[in-house]
PDB file of N, CA and C in Angstrom:
ATOM      1  N   MET A   1     -29.193  -4.732 -35.961  1.00  0.00           N
ATOM      2  CA  MET A   1     -28.459  -5.445 -35.170  1.00  0.00           C
ATOM      3  C   MET A   1     -26.959  -5.694 -36.369  1.00  0.00           C
ATOM      4  N   PRO A   2     -25.459  -5.598 -35.344  1.00  0.00           N
ATOM      5  CA  PRO A   2     -24.479  -5.310 -36.072  1.00  0.00           C
ATOM      6  C   PRO A   2     -24.362  -6.608 -36.577  1.00  0.00           C
ATOM      7  N   CYS A   3     -23.498  -6.605 -38.030  1.00  0.00           N
ATOM      8  CA  CYS A   3     -23.102  -7.488 -38.532  1.00  0.00           C
ATOM      9  C   CYS A   3     -21.831  -7.303 -39.327  1.00  0.00           C
ATOM     10  N   LEU A   4     -20.940  -8.450 -39.462  1.00  0.00           N
ATOM     11  CA  LEU A   4     -20.095  -8.598 -40.247  1.00  0.00           C
ATOM     12  C   LEU A   4     -19.757  -8.538 -41.679  1.00  0.00           C
ATOM     13  N   ILE A   5     -19.282  -7.882 -42.730  1.00  0.00           N
ATOM     14  CA  ILE A   5     -19.311  -7.951 -44.005  1.00  0.00           C
ATOM     15  C   ILE A   5     -18.353  -8.529 -44.368  1.00  0.00           C
ATOM     16  N   ALA A   6     -17.943  -9.827 -45.345  1.00  0.00           N
ATOM     17  CA  ALA A   6     -16.492 -10.186 -45.924  1.00  0.00           C
ATOM     18  C   ALA A   6     -17.123 -10.230 -47.253  1.00  0.00           C
ATOM     19  N   GLY A   7     -15.743  -9.833 -47.856  1.00  0.00           N
ATOM     20  CA  GLY A   7     -15.492  -9.707 -49.362  1.00  0.00           C
ATOM     21  C   GLY A   7     -16.365  -8.141 -49.798  1.00  0.00           C
ATOM     22  N   ARG A   8     -16.163  -8.280 -51.400  1.00  0.00           N
ATOM     23  CA  ARG A   8     -16.573  -6.991 -52.175  1.00  0.00           C
ATOM     24  C   ARG A   8     -18.324  -7.278 -51.949  1.00  0.00           C
ATOM     25  N   ARG A   9     -18.723  -6.021 -53.319  1.00  0.00           N
ATOM     26  CA  ARG A   9     -20.132  -5.836 -52.980  1.00  0.00           C
ATOM     27  C   ARG A   9     -20.553  -7.021 -54.232  1.00  0.00           C
ATOM     28  N   GLU A  10     -19.928  -7.500 -55.266  1.00  0.00           N
ATOM     29  CA  GLU A  10     -20.362  -8.182 -56.609  1.00  0.00           C
ATOM     30  C   GLU A  10     -19.991  -9.786 -56.197  1.00  0.00           C
ATOM     31  N   TRP A  11     -20.816 -10.455 -56.796  1.00  0.00           N
ATOM     32  CA  TRP A  11     -19.825 -11.668 -56.876  1.00  0.00           C
ATOM     33  C   TRP A  11     -19.375 -12.285 -58.298  1.00  0.00           C
ATOM     34  N   GLY A  12     -18.257 -13.027 -58.061  1.00  0.00           N
ATOM     35  CA  GLY A  12     -17.414 -13.351 -58.838  1.00  0.00           C
ATOM     36  C   GLY A  12     -16.930 -14.642 -59.018  1.00  0.00           C
ATOM     37  N   SER A  13     -15.918 -14.800 -59.019  1.00  0.00           N
ATOM     38  CA  SER A  13     -15.226 -15.952 -59.396  1.00  0.00           C
ATOM     39  C   SER A  13     -14.200 -16.539 -58.134  1.00  0.00           C
ATOM     40  N   SER A  14     -14.060 -15.596 -57.492  1.00  0.00           N
ATOM     41  CA  SER A  14     -13.269 -16.056 -56.160  1.00  0.00           C
ATOM     42  C   SER A  14     -14.002 -15.867 -54.763  1.00  0.00           C
ATOM     43  N   ASP A  15     -13.618 -16.040 -53.847  1.00  0.00           N
ATOM     44  CA  ASP A  15     -13.927 -15.781 -52.360  1.00  0.00           C
ATOM     45  C   ASP A  15     -13.793 -14.348 -51.888  1.00  0.00           C
ATOM     46  N   ALA A  16     -13.087 -13.672 -52.476  1.00  0.00           N
ATOM     47  CA  ALA A  16     -12.653 -11.992 -52.558  1.00  0.00           C
ATOM     48  C   ALA A  16     -14.217 -11.660 -53.202  1.00  0.00           C
ATOM     49  N   LYS A  17     -14.832 -11.997 -53.691  1.00  0.00           N
ATOM     50  CA  LYS A  17     -15.369 -11.686 -54.860  1.00  0.00           C
ATOM     51  C   LYS A  17     -16.871 -12.322 -54.487  1.00  0.00           C
ATOM     52  N   ARG A  18     -17.187 -12.772 -53.383  1.00  0.00           N
ATOM     53  CA  ARG A  18     -18.460 -13.868 -52.922  1.00  0.00           C
ATOM     54  C   ARG A  18     -18.704 -12.610 -51.629  1.00  0.00           C
ATOM     55  N   PRO A  19     -19.034 -11.348 -51.366  1.00  0.00           N
ATOM     56  CA  PRO A  19     -19.287 -10.944 -50.082  1.00  0.00           C
ATOM     57  C   PRO A  19     -20.626 -11.541 -49.540  1.00  0.00           C
ATOM     58  N   VAL A  20     -20.666 -11.604 -48.270  1.00  0.00           N
ATOM     59  CA  VAL A  20     -21.744 -12.222 -47.346  1.00  0.00           C
ATOM     60  C   VAL A  20     -21.787 -11.390 -46.067  1.00  0.00           C
ATOM     61  N   ARG A  21     -22.729 -11.345 -45.515  1.00  0.00           N
ATOM     62  CA  ARG A  21     -23.090 -10.823 -44.341  1.00  0.00           C
ATOM     63  C   ARG A  21     -23.655 -11.648 -43.326  1.00  0.00           C
ATOM     64  N   VAL A  22     -22.698 -11.480 -42.163  1.00  0.00           N
ATOM     65  CA  VAL A  22     -22.490 -12.543 -41.001  1.00  0.00           C
ATOM     66  C   VAL A  22     -23.479 -11.969 -39.839  1.00  0.00           C
ATOM     67  N   GLN A  23     -24.250 -12.381 -39.117  1.00  0.00           N
ATOM     68  CA  GLN A  23     -25.150 -12.059 -38.306  1.00  0.00           C
ATOM     69  C   GLN A  23     -25.324 -13.176 -37.060  1.00  0.00           C
ATOM     70  N   ILE A  24     -24.368 -12.887 -36.103  1.00  0.00           N
ATOM     71  CA  ILE A  24     -24.169 -13.387 -34.515  1.00  0.00           C
ATOM     72  C   ILE A  24     -24.583 -13.634 -33.987  1.00  0.00           C
ATOM     73  N   GLU A  25     -25.347 -14.414 -33.412  1.00  0.00           N
ATOM     74  CA  GLU A  25     -26.246 -14.156 -31.745  1.00  0.00           C
ATOM     75  C   GLU A  25     -25.515 -15.319 -30.808  1.00  0.00           C
ATOM     76  N   PHE A  26     -25.289 -14.663 -29.783  1.00  0.00           N
ATOM     77  CA  PHE A  26     -24.579 -15.543 -28.542  1.00  0.00           C
ATOM     78  C   PHE A  26     -25.591 -15.518 -27.466  1.00  0.00           C
ATOM     79  N   GLY A  27     -25.669 -16.859 -27.047  1.00  0.00           N
ATOM     80  CA  GLY A  27     -26.751 -17.164 -26.496  1.00  0.00           C
ATOM     81  C   GLY A  27     -26.175 -17.196 -24.972  1.00  0.00           C
ATOM     82  N   PRO A  28     -26.637 -17.818 -24.029  1.00  0.00           N
ATOM     83  CA  PRO A  28     -26.256 -17.687 -22.632  1.00  0.00           C
ATOM     84  C   PRO A  28     -25.065 -18.545 -22.128  1.00  0.00           C
ATOM     85  N   GLN A  29     -24.486 -18.377 -21.170  1.00  0.00           N
ATOM     86  CA  GLN A  29     -23.384 -19.289 -20.943  1.00  0.00           C
ATOM     87  C   GLN A  29     -23.854 -20.729 -19.880  1.00  0.00           C
ATOM     88  N   SER A  30     -23.364 -21.566 -20.965  1.00  0.00           N
ATOM     89  CA  SER A  30     -23.653 -23.120 -20.098  1.00  0.00           C
ATOM     90  C   SER A  30     -22.926 -23.195 -18.229  1.00  0.00           C
ATOM     91  N   ASN A  31     -23.782 -23.853 -17.906  1.00  0.00           N
ATOM     92  CA  ASN A  31     -23.371 -23.944 -16.668  1.00  0.00           C
ATOM     93  C   ASN A  31     -23.259 -25.327 -16.049  1.00  0.00           C
ATOM     94  N   GLY A  32     -23.162 -26.016 -17.648  1.00  0.00           N
ATOM     95  CA  GLY A  32     -23.168 -27.542 -17.575  1.00  0.00           C
ATOM     96  C   GLY A  32     -21.438 -28.402 -16.122  1.00  0.00           C
ATOM     97  N   ASN A  33     -20.757 -27.665 -16.557  1.00  0.00           N
ATOM     98  CA  ASN A  33     -19.520 -28.589 -16.133  1.00  0.00           C
ATOM     99  C   ASN A  33     -18.651 -27.439 -15.074  1.00  0.00           C
ATOM    100  N   LYS A  34     -18.854 -27.340 -14.328  1.00  0.00           N
ATOM    101  CA  LYS A  34     -18.513 -26.300 -13.076  1.00  0.00           C
ATOM    102  C   LYS A  34     -16.787 -26.471 -13.029  1.00  0.00           C
ATOM    103  N   ARG A  35     -16.518 -27.219 -13.272  1.00  0.00           N
ATOM    104  CA  ARG A  35     -14.902 -27.675 -13.196  1.00  0.00           C
ATOM    105  C   ARG A  35     -14.162 -27.280 -14.637  1.00  0.00           C
ATOM    106  N   ALA A  36     -14.854 -27.064 -15.668  1.00  0.00           N
ATOM    107  CA  ALA A  36     -13.987 -26.662 -17.022  1.00  0.00           C
ATOM    108  C   ALA A  36     -13.466 -25.625 -17.007  1.00  0.00           C
ATOM    109  N   VAL A  37     -12.182 -25.212 -17.752  1.00  0.00           N
ATOM    110  CA  VAL A  37     -11.719 -24.289 -17.697  1.00  0.00           C
ATOM    111  C   VAL A  37     -12.371 -22.941 -18.469  1.00  0.00           C
ATOM    112  N   SER A  38     -12.857 -23.539 -19.348  1.00  0.00           N
ATOM    113  CA  SER A  38     -13.852 -22.871 -20.101  1.00  0.00           C
ATOM    114  C   SER A  38     -14.786 -23.205 -20.486  1.00  0.00           C
ATOM    115  N   ARG A  39     -16.197 -22.458 -20.763  1.00  0.00           N
ATOM    116  CA  ARG A  39     -17.303 -22.839 -20.698  1.00  0.00           C
ATOM    117  C   ARG A  39     -17.838 -22.206 -21.621  1.00  0.00           C
ATOM    118  N   MET A  40     -18.448 -23.257 -22.255  1.00  0.00           N
ATOM    119  CA  MET A  40     -19.548 -22.946 -24.100  1.00  0.00           C
ATOM    120  C   MET A  40     -20.704 -22.070 -23.666  1.00  0.00           C
ATOM    121  N   VAL A  41     -20.439 -21.484 -24.753  1.00  0.00           N
ATOM    122  CA  VAL A  41     -21.528 -20.380 -24.882  1.00  0.00           C
ATOM    123  C   VAL A  41     -22.119 -21.186 -26.431  1.00  0.00           C
ATOM    124  N   PRO A  42     -23.522 -21.288 -26.459  1.00  0.00           N
ATOM    125  CA  PRO A  42     -23.875 -21.325 -27.978  1.00  0.00           C
ATOM    126  C   PRO A  42     -24.289 -20.261 -28.780  1.00  0.00           C
ATOM    127  N   ILE A  43     -24.119 -20.261 -30.193  1.00  0.00           N
ATOM    128  CA  ILE A  43     -24.160 -18.910 -30.675  1.00  0.00           C
ATOM    129  C   ILE A  43     -24.800 -19.617 -32.240  1.00  0.00           C
ATOM    130  N   GLN A  44     -25.735 -18.468 -32.359  1.00  0.00           N
ATOM    131  CA  GLN A  44     -26.202 -18.702 -33.875  1.00  0.00           C
ATOM    132  C   GLN A  44     -25.954 -17.804 -34.633  1.00  0.00           C
ATOM    133  N   VAL A  45     -25.599 -18.432 -36.026  1.00  0.00           N
ATOM    134  CA  VAL A  45     -24.806 -17.935 -37.267  1.00  0.00           C
ATOM    135  C   VAL A  45     -25.724 -17.673 -38.140  1.00  0.00           C
ATOM    136  N   THR A  46     -26.136 -16.441 -38.866  1.00  0.00           N
ATOM    137  CA  THR A  46     -26.779 -16.235 -40.137  1.00  0.00           C
ATOM    138  C   THR A  46     -25.980 -15.782 -41.009  1.00  0.00           C
ATOM    139  N   VAL A  47     -25.800 -16.683 -42.227  1.00  0.00           N
ATOM    140  CA  VAL A  47     -24.896 -15.504 -43.241  1.00  0.00           C
ATOM    141  C   VAL A  47     -26.112 -15.399 -44.815  1.00  0.00           C
ATOM    142  N   HIS A  48     -25.700 -14.476 -45.014  1.00  0.00           N
ATOM    143  CA  HIS A  48     -26.315 -13.837 -46.277  1.00  0.00           C
ATOM    144  C   HIS A  48     -25.738 -13.303 -47.103  1.00  0.00           C
ATOM    145  N   PRO A  49     -26.140 -13.623 -48.676  1.00  0.00           N
ATOM    146  CA  PRO A  49     -25.509 -13.168 -49.559  1.00  0.00           C
ATOM    147  C   PRO A  49     -25.616 -11.811 -49.464  1.00  0.00           C
ATOM    148  N   LEU A  50     -24.471 -10.800 -50.072  1.00  0.00           N
ATOM    149  CA  LEU A  50     -24.554  -9.234 -50.592  1.00  0.00           C
ATOM    150  C   LEU A  50     -24.730  -9.080 -52.011  1.00  0.00           C
ATOM    151  N   GLY A  51     -25.537  -8.701 -52.234  1.00  0.00           N
ATOM    152  CA  GLY A  51     -25.693  -8.785 -54.061  1.00  0.00           C
ATOM    153  C   GLY A  51     -26.749  -9.796 -54.419  1.00  0.00           C
ATOM    154  N   TRP A  52     -26.181 -10.082 -55.635  1.00  0.00           N
ATOM    155  CA  TRP A  52     -26.775 -10.714 -56.322  1.00  0.00           C
ATOM    156  C   TRP A  52     -25.980 -12.860 -56.428  1.00  0.00           C
ATOM    157  N   ALA A  53     -26.225 -13.806 -55.579  1.00  0.00           N
ATOM    158  CA  ALA A  53     -25.801 -14.988 -55.790  1.00  0.00           C
ATOM    159  C   ALA A  53     -26.051 -15.466 -56.886  1.00  0.00           C
ATOM    160  N   ARG A  54     -25.470 -16.021 -58.202  1.00  0.00           N
ATOM    161  CA  ARG A  54     -26.320 -16.635 -58.955  1.00  0.00           C
ATOM    162  C   ARG A  54     -26.746 -17.885 -58.914  1.00  0.00           C
ATOM    163  N   ASN A  55     -25.771 -18.792 -58.239  1.00  0.00           N
ATOM    164  CA  ASN A  55     -25.804 -20.322 -58.130  1.00  0.00           C
ATOM    165  C   ASN A  55     -25.707 -20.224 -56.637  1.00  0.00           C
ATOM    166  N   MET A  56     -26.724 -21.188 -56.246  1.00  0.00           N
ATOM    167  CA  MET A  56     -27.134 -21.316 -54.980  1.00  0.00           C
ATOM    168  C   MET A  56     -25.974 -22.467 -53.998  1.00  0.00           C
ATOM    169  N   SER A  57     -25.490 -23.134 -54.944  1.00  0.00           N
ATOM    170  CA  SER A  57     -24.418 -24.152 -54.618  1.00  0.00           C
ATOM    171  C   SER A  57     -23.372 -23.471 -54.338  1.00  0.00           C
ATOM    172  N   VAL A  58     -22.819 -22.341 -54.825  1.00  0.00           N
ATOM    173  CA  VAL A  58     -21.821 -21.219 -55.042  1.00  0.00           C
ATOM    174  C   VAL A  58     -22.082 -20.493 -53.446  1.00  0.00           C
ATOM    175  N   PHE A  59     -23.088 -20.236 -53.446  1.00  0.00           N
ATOM    176  CA  PHE A  59     -23.467 -19.831 -51.779  1.00  0.00           C
ATOM    177  C   PHE A  59     -22.987 -20.277 -51.012  1.00  0.00           C
ATOM    178  N   GLN A  60     -23.944 -21.448 -51.020  1.00  0.00           N
ATOM    179  CA  GLN A  60     -23.407 -22.666 -49.650  1.00  0.00           C
ATOM    180  C   GLN A  60     -22.345 -22.557 -49.428  1.00  0.00           C
ATOM    181  N   ASP A  61     -21.622 -22.992 -50.519  1.00  0.00           N
ATOM    182  CA  ASP A  61     -19.683 -23.482 -50.293  1.00  0.00           C
ATOM    183  C   ASP A  61     -19.195 -22.169 -49.520  1.00  0.00           C
ATOM    184  N   ARG A  62     -19.653 -20.940 -50.349  1.00  0.00           N
ATOM    185  CA  ARG A  62     -18.559 -19.790 -49.189  1.00  0.00           C
ATOM    186  C   ARG A  62     -19.813 -19.612 -48.156  1.00  0.00           C
ATOM    187  N   ALA A  63     -20.832 -19.586 -47.998  1.00  0.00           N
ATOM    188  CA  ALA A  63     -21.715 -20.000 -45.867  1.00  0.00           C
ATOM    189  C   ALA A  63     -20.845 -21.006 -45.567  1.00  0.00           C
ATOM    190  N   GLN A  64     -20.703 -22.343 -45.934  1.00  0.00           N
ATOM    191  CA  GLN A  64     -19.871 -23.190 -45.343  1.00  0.00           C
ATOM    192  C   GLN A  64     -18.275 -22.690 -44.694  1.00  0.00           C
ATOM    193  N   GLN A  65     -18.084 -22.203 -45.838  1.00  0.00           N
ATOM    194  CA  GLN A  65     -16.429 -21.776 -45.380  1.00  0.00           C
ATOM    195  C   GLN A  65     -16.429 -20.688 -44.314  1.00  0.00           C
ATOM    196  N   VAL A  66     -17.474 -19.934 -44.687  1.00  0.00           N
ATOM    197  CA  VAL A  66     -17.242 -18.463 -43.447  1.00  0.00           C
ATOM    198  C   VAL A  66     -17.576 -19.668 -41.881  1.00  0.00           C
ATOM    199  N   LEU A  67     -18.524 -20.367 -42.036  1.00  0.00           N
ATOM    200  CA  LEU A  67     -18.973 -20.835 -40.736  1.00  0.00           C
ATOM    201  C   LEU A  67     -17.621 -21.925 -40.490  1.00  0.00           C
ATOM    202  N   LYS A  68     -16.873 -22.174 -41.106  1.00  0.00           N
ATOM    203  CA  LYS A  68     -15.856 -22.830 -40.569  1.00  0.00           C
ATOM    204  C   LYS A  68     -14.424 -22.230 -39.979  1.00  0.00           C
ATOM    205  N   THR A  69     -14.607 -20.836 -40.830  1.00  0.00           N
ATOM    206  CA  THR A  69     -13.410 -19.985 -40.278  1.00  0.00           C
ATOM    207  C   THR A  69     -14.007 -19.637 -38.957  1.00  0.00           C
ATOM    208  N   LEU A  70     -15.350 -19.208 -38.729  1.00  0.00           N
ATOM    209  CA  LEU A  70     -15.783 -18.967 -37.341  1.00  0.00           C
ATOM    210  C   LEU A  70     -15.373 -19.831 -36.407  1.00  0.00           C
ATOM    211  N   ARG A  71     -15.796 -21.164 -36.390  1.00  0.00           N
ATOM    212  CA  ARG A  71     -15.762 -22.386 -36.506  1.00  0.00           C
ATOM    213  C   ARG A  71     -14.143 -22.381 -35.448  1.00  0.00           C
ATOM    214  N   SER A  72     -13.184 -22.367 -36.254  1.00  0.00           N
ATOM    215  CA  SER A  72     -12.379 -22.175 -35.825  1.00  0.00           C
ATOM    216  C   SER A  72     -11.821 -21.622 -35.061  1.00  0.00           C
ATOM    217  N   TYR A  73     -12.189 -20.151 -35.229  1.00  0.00           N
ATOM    218  CA  TYR A  73     -11.867 -18.997 -34.450  1.00  0.00           C
ATOM    219  C   TYR A  73     -12.181 -18.793 -33.202  1.00  0.00           C
ATOM    220  N   PHE A  74     -13.232 -19.570 -32.973  1.00  0.00           N
ATOM    221  CA  PHE A  74     -14.002 -19.622 -31.429  1.00  0.00           C
ATOM    222  C   PHE A  74     -13.785 -20.716 -30.977  1.00  0.00           C
ATOM    223  N   ALA A  75     -12.765 -21.539 -31.585  1.00  0.00           N
ATOM    224  CA  ALA A  75     -12.583 -23.303 -30.803  1.00  0.00           C
ATOM    225  C   ALA A  75     -13.841 -23.826 -30.327  1.00  0.00           C
ATOM    226  N   GLY A  76     -14.892 -24.184 -31.222  1.00  0.00           N
ATOM    227  CA  GLY A  76     -16.047 -24.539 -30.970  1.00  0.00           C
ATOM    228  C   GLY A  76     -15.745 -25.875 -31.947  1.00  0.00           C
ATOM    229  N   GLU A  77     -17.024 -26.697 -31.636  1.00  0.00           N
ATOM    230  CA  GLU A  77     -17.034 -27.972 -32.223  1.00  0.00           C
ATOM    231  C   GLU A  77     -17.941 -28.161 -33.302  1.00  0.00           C
TER     232      GLU A  77
END
């Protein structure tokens, strides 16, 4: 399955040095509000560290940042 890779291959002190693999799966388009200009499509995002993330909380912070960026890109809620 195709994935996005963000960052380098070693875990370090900055986000550029904290690589992750992002897997995005798109669900079916909702038919809830037929008058809506744009329809909502559910997505499932899985974030994995590339390499060894020594500190779990640092990885979770990085994953949350990636999710926040994706959410703003897709203009989701």
